[in-house]
Each structure stands twice: as C-alpha cells, then as structure tokens.
N, C-alpha and C. Protein backbone atom coordinates (compact mmCIF):
# COMPACT_ATOMS: atom_id res chain seq x y z
N MET A 1 21.32 -89.59 24.13
CA MET A 1 20.41 -88.59 24.64
C MET A 1 19.61 -89.20 25.78
N SER A 2 19.49 -88.52 26.84
CA SER A 2 18.71 -89.04 27.96
C SER A 2 17.22 -88.93 27.62
N GLY A 3 16.40 -89.60 28.39
CA GLY A 3 14.97 -89.61 28.14
C GLY A 3 14.26 -88.38 28.66
N TYR A 4 14.98 -87.43 29.22
CA TYR A 4 14.34 -86.25 29.81
C TYR A 4 14.48 -85.06 28.89
N LEU A 5 13.46 -84.23 28.86
CA LEU A 5 13.46 -83.04 28.02
C LEU A 5 13.70 -81.81 28.89
N SER A 6 14.44 -80.87 28.33
CA SER A 6 14.64 -79.62 29.05
C SER A 6 13.33 -78.84 29.05
N GLU A 7 13.27 -77.82 29.86
CA GLU A 7 12.08 -76.99 29.93
C GLU A 7 11.78 -76.35 28.58
N GLU A 8 12.83 -75.91 27.88
CA GLU A 8 12.68 -75.29 26.56
C GLU A 8 12.10 -76.30 25.57
N GLU A 9 12.60 -77.53 25.59
CA GLU A 9 12.11 -78.56 24.69
C GLU A 9 10.64 -78.90 25.00
N GLN A 10 10.28 -78.93 26.27
CA GLN A 10 8.90 -79.19 26.65
C GLN A 10 7.98 -78.07 26.17
N ARG A 11 8.45 -76.82 26.25
CA ARG A 11 7.67 -75.68 25.79
C ARG A 11 7.45 -75.78 24.28
N ILE A 12 8.50 -76.14 23.54
CA ILE A 12 8.38 -76.29 22.09
C ILE A 12 7.40 -77.41 21.77
N LEU A 13 7.49 -78.52 22.48
CA LEU A 13 6.57 -79.64 22.24
C LEU A 13 5.12 -79.23 22.46
N SER A 14 4.88 -78.35 23.41
CA SER A 14 3.50 -77.94 23.67
C SER A 14 2.93 -77.15 22.49
N TRP A 15 3.78 -76.56 21.64
CA TRP A 15 3.32 -75.83 20.47
C TRP A 15 2.91 -76.78 19.36
N LEU A 16 3.39 -77.99 19.38
CA LEU A 16 3.16 -78.90 18.27
C LEU A 16 1.76 -79.50 18.29
N SER A 17 1.54 -80.41 19.18
CA SER A 17 0.23 -81.04 19.31
C SER A 17 0.22 -81.80 20.62
N PRO A 18 -0.94 -82.21 21.10
CA PRO A 18 -1.00 -82.85 22.41
C PRO A 18 -0.23 -84.16 22.47
N ASP A 19 -0.15 -84.88 21.37
CA ASP A 19 0.52 -86.17 21.38
C ASP A 19 1.89 -86.12 20.72
N ALA A 20 2.45 -84.91 20.56
CA ALA A 20 3.71 -84.78 19.86
C ALA A 20 4.82 -85.50 20.61
N GLN A 21 5.51 -86.31 19.88
CA GLN A 21 6.65 -87.03 20.41
C GLN A 21 7.69 -87.08 19.31
N PRO A 22 8.96 -87.22 19.70
CA PRO A 22 9.97 -87.36 18.65
C PRO A 22 9.65 -88.59 17.81
N ARG A 23 10.07 -88.58 16.55
CA ARG A 23 9.82 -89.71 15.67
C ARG A 23 10.50 -90.96 16.19
N ARG A 24 9.87 -92.08 15.91
CA ARG A 24 10.47 -93.36 16.27
C ARG A 24 11.55 -93.68 15.25
N ARG A 25 12.51 -94.48 15.67
CA ARG A 25 13.52 -94.92 14.73
C ARG A 25 12.87 -95.83 13.71
N ARG A 26 13.43 -95.87 12.51
CA ARG A 26 12.89 -96.75 11.47
C ARG A 26 12.87 -98.18 11.94
N GLY A 27 11.81 -98.84 11.57
CA GLY A 27 11.72 -100.26 11.90
C GLY A 27 11.14 -100.54 13.27
N THR A 28 10.84 -99.50 14.04
CA THR A 28 10.25 -99.75 15.35
C THR A 28 8.82 -99.27 15.32
N LEU A 29 7.90 -100.19 15.49
CA LEU A 29 6.49 -99.87 15.51
C LEU A 29 5.90 -100.34 16.82
N PRO A 30 4.86 -99.69 17.28
CA PRO A 30 4.20 -100.19 18.47
C PRO A 30 3.73 -101.63 18.22
N SER A 31 3.70 -102.42 19.24
CA SER A 31 3.39 -103.84 19.09
C SER A 31 2.02 -104.07 18.48
N ALA A 32 1.05 -103.18 18.69
CA ALA A 32 -0.29 -103.36 18.15
C ALA A 32 -0.29 -103.34 16.63
N PHE A 33 0.69 -102.64 16.02
CA PHE A 33 0.72 -102.54 14.56
C PHE A 33 1.37 -103.77 13.95
N GLY A 34 2.04 -104.56 14.73
CA GLY A 34 2.78 -105.71 14.22
C GLY A 34 1.89 -106.90 13.96
N ARG A 35 0.70 -106.95 14.48
CA ARG A 35 -0.19 -108.08 14.27
C ARG A 35 -0.74 -108.06 12.85
N ALA A 36 -0.90 -109.25 12.30
CA ALA A 36 -1.43 -109.36 10.95
C ALA A 36 -2.86 -108.82 10.91
N GLY A 37 -3.17 -108.06 9.89
CA GLY A 37 -4.52 -107.55 9.70
C GLY A 37 -4.86 -106.31 10.49
N SER A 38 -3.99 -105.88 11.37
CA SER A 38 -4.31 -104.67 12.14
C SER A 38 -3.79 -103.44 11.40
N ARG A 39 -4.50 -102.36 11.56
CA ARG A 39 -4.10 -101.10 10.92
C ARG A 39 -3.84 -100.08 12.00
N PRO A 40 -2.93 -99.17 11.74
CA PRO A 40 -2.69 -98.13 12.75
C PRO A 40 -3.95 -97.27 12.92
N PRO A 41 -4.17 -96.76 14.11
CA PRO A 41 -5.34 -95.91 14.31
C PRO A 41 -5.20 -94.63 13.49
N ARG A 42 -6.33 -94.10 13.10
CA ARG A 42 -6.33 -92.85 12.34
C ARG A 42 -5.89 -91.71 13.25
N PRO A 43 -4.92 -90.90 12.81
CA PRO A 43 -4.44 -89.83 13.68
C PRO A 43 -5.54 -88.79 13.96
N ALA A 44 -5.54 -88.31 15.16
CA ALA A 44 -6.50 -87.27 15.56
C ALA A 44 -6.05 -85.94 14.97
N PRO A 45 -6.99 -85.04 14.69
CA PRO A 45 -6.59 -83.73 14.20
C PRO A 45 -5.79 -83.00 15.27
N PRO A 46 -4.88 -82.12 14.85
CA PRO A 46 -4.07 -81.39 15.83
C PRO A 46 -4.93 -80.51 16.73
N ARG A 47 -4.46 -80.33 17.94
CA ARG A 47 -5.17 -79.48 18.91
C ARG A 47 -5.10 -78.03 18.45
N SER A 48 -6.18 -77.32 18.61
CA SER A 48 -6.26 -75.92 18.23
C SER A 48 -5.20 -75.10 18.96
N GLY A 49 -4.60 -74.15 18.27
CA GLY A 49 -3.61 -73.27 18.88
C GLY A 49 -2.19 -73.80 18.81
N THR A 50 -1.99 -74.95 18.16
CA THR A 50 -0.64 -75.50 18.03
C THR A 50 -0.09 -75.18 16.64
N ILE A 51 1.21 -75.32 16.49
CA ILE A 51 1.82 -75.10 15.18
C ILE A 51 1.24 -76.09 14.17
N ALA A 52 1.06 -77.34 14.59
CA ALA A 52 0.51 -78.35 13.69
C ALA A 52 -0.89 -77.96 13.22
N ALA A 53 -1.70 -77.39 14.09
CA ALA A 53 -3.05 -76.97 13.71
C ALA A 53 -2.99 -75.82 12.71
N VAL A 54 -2.07 -74.90 12.91
CA VAL A 54 -1.91 -73.77 11.99
C VAL A 54 -1.53 -74.29 10.61
N ILE A 55 -0.58 -75.22 10.56
CA ILE A 55 -0.13 -75.78 9.28
C ILE A 55 -1.25 -76.56 8.62
N CYS A 56 -1.97 -77.34 9.41
CA CYS A 56 -3.09 -78.13 8.89
C CYS A 56 -4.13 -77.21 8.25
N GLU A 57 -4.42 -76.11 8.90
CA GLU A 57 -5.42 -75.16 8.40
C GLU A 57 -4.92 -74.39 7.18
N ALA A 58 -3.70 -73.89 7.24
CA ALA A 58 -3.19 -73.01 6.18
C ALA A 58 -2.73 -73.77 4.94
N GLU A 59 -2.14 -74.95 5.14
CA GLU A 59 -1.58 -75.68 4.01
C GLU A 59 -2.35 -76.94 3.67
N HIS A 60 -3.39 -77.23 4.44
CA HIS A 60 -4.26 -78.38 4.18
C HIS A 60 -3.50 -79.72 4.20
N TYR A 61 -2.51 -79.81 5.07
CA TYR A 61 -1.82 -81.08 5.29
C TYR A 61 -2.65 -81.92 6.25
N GLY A 62 -2.44 -83.21 6.21
CA GLY A 62 -3.07 -84.10 7.18
C GLY A 62 -2.39 -83.97 8.53
N PRO A 63 -2.94 -84.61 9.56
CA PRO A 63 -2.38 -84.49 10.91
C PRO A 63 -0.92 -84.94 11.01
N GLU A 64 -0.58 -86.06 10.36
CA GLU A 64 0.80 -86.56 10.46
C GLU A 64 1.78 -85.62 9.77
N SER A 65 1.45 -85.19 8.56
CA SER A 65 2.33 -84.27 7.83
C SER A 65 2.45 -82.94 8.56
N SER A 66 1.35 -82.47 9.11
CA SER A 66 1.37 -81.21 9.86
C SER A 66 2.29 -81.32 11.06
N ALA A 67 2.23 -82.45 11.76
CA ALA A 67 3.09 -82.65 12.93
C ALA A 67 4.56 -82.67 12.51
N GLN A 68 4.86 -83.32 11.38
CA GLN A 68 6.25 -83.36 10.90
C GLN A 68 6.74 -81.96 10.55
N GLN A 69 5.90 -81.19 9.85
CA GLN A 69 6.29 -79.82 9.50
C GLN A 69 6.41 -78.95 10.75
N ALA A 70 5.54 -79.18 11.72
CA ALA A 70 5.57 -78.41 12.95
C ALA A 70 6.90 -78.58 13.67
N TRP A 71 7.46 -79.78 13.62
CA TRP A 71 8.77 -80.00 14.24
C TRP A 71 9.82 -79.09 13.63
N ARG A 72 9.78 -78.95 12.31
CA ARG A 72 10.77 -78.09 11.64
C ARG A 72 10.64 -76.64 12.09
N TRP A 73 9.40 -76.14 12.17
CA TRP A 73 9.19 -74.77 12.62
C TRP A 73 9.62 -74.61 14.07
N ALA A 74 9.24 -75.56 14.90
CA ALA A 74 9.55 -75.46 16.33
C ALA A 74 11.05 -75.51 16.58
N ARG A 75 11.78 -76.28 15.80
CA ARG A 75 13.25 -76.34 15.96
C ARG A 75 13.87 -74.96 15.74
N ASN A 76 13.20 -74.13 14.95
CA ASN A 76 13.70 -72.77 14.70
C ASN A 76 13.04 -71.74 15.62
N LEU A 77 12.36 -72.23 16.67
CA LEU A 77 11.76 -71.42 17.72
C LEU A 77 10.70 -70.45 17.23
N PHE A 78 9.87 -70.91 16.30
CA PHE A 78 8.72 -70.12 15.87
C PHE A 78 7.54 -70.46 16.77
N THR A 79 6.73 -69.47 17.08
CA THR A 79 5.50 -69.68 17.84
C THR A 79 4.37 -69.93 16.84
N PRO A 80 3.23 -70.44 17.30
CA PRO A 80 2.11 -70.64 16.38
C PRO A 80 1.67 -69.35 15.67
N SER A 81 1.68 -68.23 16.39
CA SER A 81 1.26 -66.96 15.75
C SER A 81 2.26 -66.53 14.67
N GLU A 82 3.55 -66.77 14.90
CA GLU A 82 4.54 -66.44 13.87
C GLU A 82 4.38 -67.33 12.65
N VAL A 83 4.13 -68.61 12.88
CA VAL A 83 3.92 -69.54 11.76
C VAL A 83 2.71 -69.09 10.95
N ARG A 84 1.62 -68.75 11.64
CA ARG A 84 0.41 -68.28 10.94
C ARG A 84 0.72 -67.03 10.11
N ALA A 85 1.47 -66.10 10.67
CA ALA A 85 1.79 -64.86 9.95
C ALA A 85 2.58 -65.14 8.67
N TRP A 86 3.57 -66.01 8.74
CA TRP A 86 4.36 -66.32 7.55
C TRP A 86 3.54 -67.09 6.52
N LEU A 87 2.73 -68.04 6.98
CA LEU A 87 1.93 -68.83 6.04
C LEU A 87 0.84 -67.98 5.39
N THR A 88 0.22 -67.08 6.15
CA THR A 88 -0.79 -66.21 5.54
C THR A 88 -0.14 -65.14 4.66
N GLY A 89 1.14 -64.88 4.89
CA GLY A 89 1.88 -63.95 4.04
C GLY A 89 2.22 -64.52 2.67
N GLY A 90 2.00 -65.82 2.49
CA GLY A 90 2.21 -66.42 1.17
C GLY A 90 3.32 -67.45 1.10
N LEU A 91 4.19 -67.49 2.11
CA LEU A 91 5.25 -68.50 2.09
C LEU A 91 4.71 -69.79 2.66
N ARG A 92 5.38 -70.89 2.43
CA ARG A 92 4.93 -72.22 2.84
C ARG A 92 5.99 -72.89 3.71
N SER A 93 5.61 -73.99 4.28
CA SER A 93 6.56 -74.75 5.11
C SER A 93 7.78 -75.16 4.32
N ARG A 94 7.60 -75.42 3.03
CA ARG A 94 8.77 -75.79 2.20
C ARG A 94 9.76 -74.63 2.07
N ASP A 95 9.31 -73.41 2.38
CA ASP A 95 10.16 -72.21 2.31
C ASP A 95 10.78 -71.87 3.67
N LEU A 96 10.78 -72.80 4.60
CA LEU A 96 11.20 -72.48 5.97
C LEU A 96 12.61 -71.92 6.04
N ASP A 97 13.54 -72.46 5.26
CA ASP A 97 14.91 -71.93 5.30
C ASP A 97 14.93 -70.45 4.91
N LEU A 98 14.14 -70.09 3.90
CA LEU A 98 14.03 -68.69 3.49
C LEU A 98 13.40 -67.85 4.59
N VAL A 99 12.35 -68.37 5.22
CA VAL A 99 11.66 -67.65 6.29
C VAL A 99 12.62 -67.38 7.45
N VAL A 100 13.42 -68.38 7.81
CA VAL A 100 14.38 -68.21 8.90
C VAL A 100 15.36 -67.09 8.56
N GLU A 101 15.83 -67.07 7.32
CA GLU A 101 16.77 -66.02 6.92
C GLU A 101 16.10 -64.65 6.87
N LEU A 102 14.87 -64.59 6.35
CA LEU A 102 14.14 -63.32 6.32
C LEU A 102 13.96 -62.78 7.74
N ARG A 103 13.59 -63.64 8.65
CA ARG A 103 13.40 -63.22 10.04
C ARG A 103 14.71 -62.73 10.64
N SER A 104 15.81 -63.42 10.35
CA SER A 104 17.11 -63.01 10.90
C SER A 104 17.56 -61.65 10.36
N LEU A 105 17.06 -61.28 9.18
CA LEU A 105 17.39 -59.98 8.59
C LEU A 105 16.43 -58.89 9.04
N GLY A 106 15.46 -59.24 9.89
CA GLY A 106 14.53 -58.24 10.41
C GLY A 106 13.36 -57.95 9.49
N ILE A 107 13.11 -58.83 8.55
CA ILE A 107 12.01 -58.62 7.60
C ILE A 107 10.74 -59.24 8.19
N PRO A 108 9.68 -58.45 8.34
CA PRO A 108 8.44 -58.98 8.92
C PRO A 108 7.66 -59.78 7.88
N PRO A 109 6.79 -60.68 8.34
CA PRO A 109 5.98 -61.48 7.41
C PRO A 109 5.12 -60.62 6.49
N GLY A 110 4.63 -59.50 6.99
CA GLY A 110 3.79 -58.62 6.18
C GLY A 110 4.49 -58.03 4.98
N ALA A 111 5.82 -58.05 4.99
CA ALA A 111 6.59 -57.48 3.88
C ALA A 111 6.37 -58.25 2.58
N MET A 112 5.89 -59.49 2.68
CA MET A 112 5.66 -60.28 1.47
C MET A 112 4.60 -59.65 0.58
N SER A 113 3.69 -58.87 1.15
CA SER A 113 2.63 -58.24 0.36
C SER A 113 2.95 -56.79 -0.02
N TRP A 114 4.08 -56.27 0.45
CA TRP A 114 4.44 -54.90 0.11
C TRP A 114 4.74 -54.80 -1.38
N ILE A 115 4.15 -53.79 -2.01
CA ILE A 115 4.37 -53.59 -3.44
C ILE A 115 5.40 -52.48 -3.62
N ILE A 116 6.46 -52.84 -4.31
CA ILE A 116 7.55 -51.90 -4.56
C ILE A 116 7.79 -51.88 -6.06
N ARG A 117 7.71 -50.69 -6.63
CA ARG A 117 7.87 -50.51 -8.07
C ARG A 117 7.00 -51.49 -8.86
N GLY A 118 5.72 -51.63 -8.42
CA GLY A 118 4.74 -52.40 -9.16
C GLY A 118 4.75 -53.91 -8.96
N GLU A 119 5.57 -54.38 -8.03
CA GLU A 119 5.64 -55.83 -7.83
C GLU A 119 5.78 -56.15 -6.34
N CYS A 120 4.96 -57.09 -5.85
CA CYS A 120 5.05 -57.41 -4.43
C CYS A 120 6.27 -58.31 -4.17
N MET A 121 6.71 -58.31 -2.94
CA MET A 121 7.92 -59.05 -2.58
C MET A 121 7.74 -60.56 -2.77
N LEU A 122 6.54 -61.07 -2.51
CA LEU A 122 6.31 -62.50 -2.71
C LEU A 122 6.47 -62.89 -4.17
N ASP A 123 5.96 -62.05 -5.08
CA ASP A 123 6.15 -62.32 -6.50
C ASP A 123 7.63 -62.27 -6.88
N ARG A 124 8.37 -61.36 -6.29
CA ARG A 124 9.80 -61.28 -6.58
C ARG A 124 10.51 -62.57 -6.15
N ILE A 125 10.06 -63.13 -5.02
CA ILE A 125 10.65 -64.39 -4.54
C ILE A 125 10.24 -65.53 -5.47
N ARG A 126 8.95 -65.64 -5.75
CA ARG A 126 8.42 -66.77 -6.54
C ARG A 126 8.82 -66.70 -8.02
N LEU A 127 8.68 -65.50 -8.62
CA LEU A 127 8.87 -65.40 -10.06
C LEU A 127 10.28 -65.01 -10.48
N ARG A 128 10.95 -64.23 -9.67
CA ARG A 128 12.29 -63.76 -10.03
C ARG A 128 13.40 -64.48 -9.27
N GLY A 129 13.02 -65.31 -8.31
CA GLY A 129 14.04 -66.05 -7.56
C GLY A 129 14.79 -65.22 -6.54
N TYR A 130 14.15 -64.16 -6.04
CA TYR A 130 14.80 -63.33 -5.02
C TYR A 130 15.16 -64.18 -3.79
N THR A 131 16.32 -63.93 -3.25
CA THR A 131 16.73 -64.54 -1.99
C THR A 131 16.38 -63.58 -0.86
N ALA A 132 16.60 -64.01 0.36
CA ALA A 132 16.35 -63.13 1.51
C ALA A 132 17.24 -61.89 1.42
N GLN A 133 18.46 -62.06 0.96
CA GLN A 133 19.37 -60.92 0.82
C GLN A 133 18.84 -59.92 -0.22
N HIS A 134 18.31 -60.43 -1.34
CA HIS A 134 17.72 -59.55 -2.35
C HIS A 134 16.55 -58.76 -1.78
N VAL A 135 15.70 -59.46 -1.03
CA VAL A 135 14.53 -58.81 -0.42
C VAL A 135 15.01 -57.71 0.53
N ALA A 136 15.97 -58.02 1.38
CA ALA A 136 16.47 -57.04 2.35
C ALA A 136 17.07 -55.83 1.63
N ARG A 137 17.84 -56.09 0.60
CA ARG A 137 18.48 -54.99 -0.15
C ARG A 137 17.42 -54.10 -0.78
N THR A 138 16.38 -54.70 -1.38
CA THR A 138 15.31 -53.93 -2.00
C THR A 138 14.57 -53.09 -0.96
N LEU A 139 14.24 -53.69 0.17
CA LEU A 139 13.52 -52.96 1.22
C LEU A 139 14.37 -51.84 1.80
N ARG A 140 15.67 -52.06 1.97
CA ARG A 140 16.55 -51.00 2.48
C ARG A 140 16.64 -49.85 1.47
N HIS A 141 16.75 -50.20 0.20
CA HIS A 141 16.86 -49.19 -0.84
C HIS A 141 15.62 -48.30 -0.87
N GLU A 142 14.47 -48.87 -0.57
CA GLU A 142 13.21 -48.11 -0.55
C GLU A 142 12.97 -47.44 0.79
N GLY A 143 13.86 -47.64 1.75
CA GLY A 143 13.72 -47.03 3.07
C GLY A 143 12.71 -47.73 3.98
N LEU A 144 12.38 -48.97 3.65
CA LEU A 144 11.41 -49.72 4.45
C LEU A 144 12.07 -50.59 5.53
N LEU A 145 13.37 -50.73 5.45
CA LEU A 145 14.15 -51.41 6.49
C LEU A 145 15.29 -50.48 6.86
N PRO A 146 15.69 -50.49 8.13
CA PRO A 146 16.82 -49.63 8.50
C PRO A 146 18.10 -50.10 7.81
N LYS A 147 18.97 -49.14 7.53
CA LYS A 147 20.25 -49.48 6.94
C LYS A 147 21.05 -50.31 7.93
N ARG A 148 21.85 -51.24 7.41
CA ARG A 148 22.68 -52.06 8.27
C ARG A 148 23.80 -51.22 8.84
N SER A 149 24.09 -51.48 10.11
CA SER A 149 25.21 -50.74 10.73
C SER A 149 26.51 -51.40 10.32
N ALA A 150 27.51 -50.58 10.06
CA ALA A 150 28.80 -51.09 9.58
C ALA A 150 29.63 -51.67 10.68
C-alpha cells in the first residue's frame, strides 16, 4: 500500500478524530515509548463531531477504544449522525454487522423503537434473537416497509 490516501479515505479519516491514523503494526512503538520508565501520553478526548466522539459519548468508551470502534463504522461509510442515530436507537458498536445489514434492507434506525404487536423491534433482536431479515419481514408484514420487488 502506498503512503498516500485517496480523497475518500481522507474524508473518512476526518470523521474519526483529529489524530486518527491507521494502527501501527504489532511490535512497533514510537521511540519515546521504548525508554525505560517512560509511559505513553494519555490520549486526548476525541474531537467533537467525529464518529469517535459519538461513540465515546453514547457507549462511554475511552478515547482509544472509541477510535478503534470508529474505524469499523467508517469502513462501512457511516457518518457521525448515522452512528449517533443507531446508537441512540439501542444498538451498539458490537452490533455493527447487524446495523450494516439493517441499513442495506432499508430499515431506519428509528425502527428499533417501533412497537409491533406489543413488542419493540429492539427487544425482538435482543430477547428473541431476531436477525435483520426477521426484522425486515416483520416490518413488511405490518406495512411499515415497502414490499420487495421480485
């Protein structure tokens, strides 16, 4: 991989945090950390308006963990406002694969709070093990999502 980032990659990086950089390979540390008795500097909190800041606020992760999670969201081309919508809807960063599938099926983040036959969709996911396909099927059956074209 060359050392240059495409415009799209630079745009995604701007969503993460001001100091966001790809992870270093294992075993490579900045020279300042290699001296005996020195400790790495404490990470700064994520810049407001970034995916990392949204995750830090919604899931109470530290700056480093938030930055790592932000990379996962950014790789799937989520914006900070989309991340906030899904996280406030009740899903978490650990549910990102499910979120990606829900989004691909046209299910909005707000659907997690929709109550259908006495149970909200988030509870169906958490308690009954609903998959994105189950959620889509339920919402289509209730007329809340358009029918799939054949």
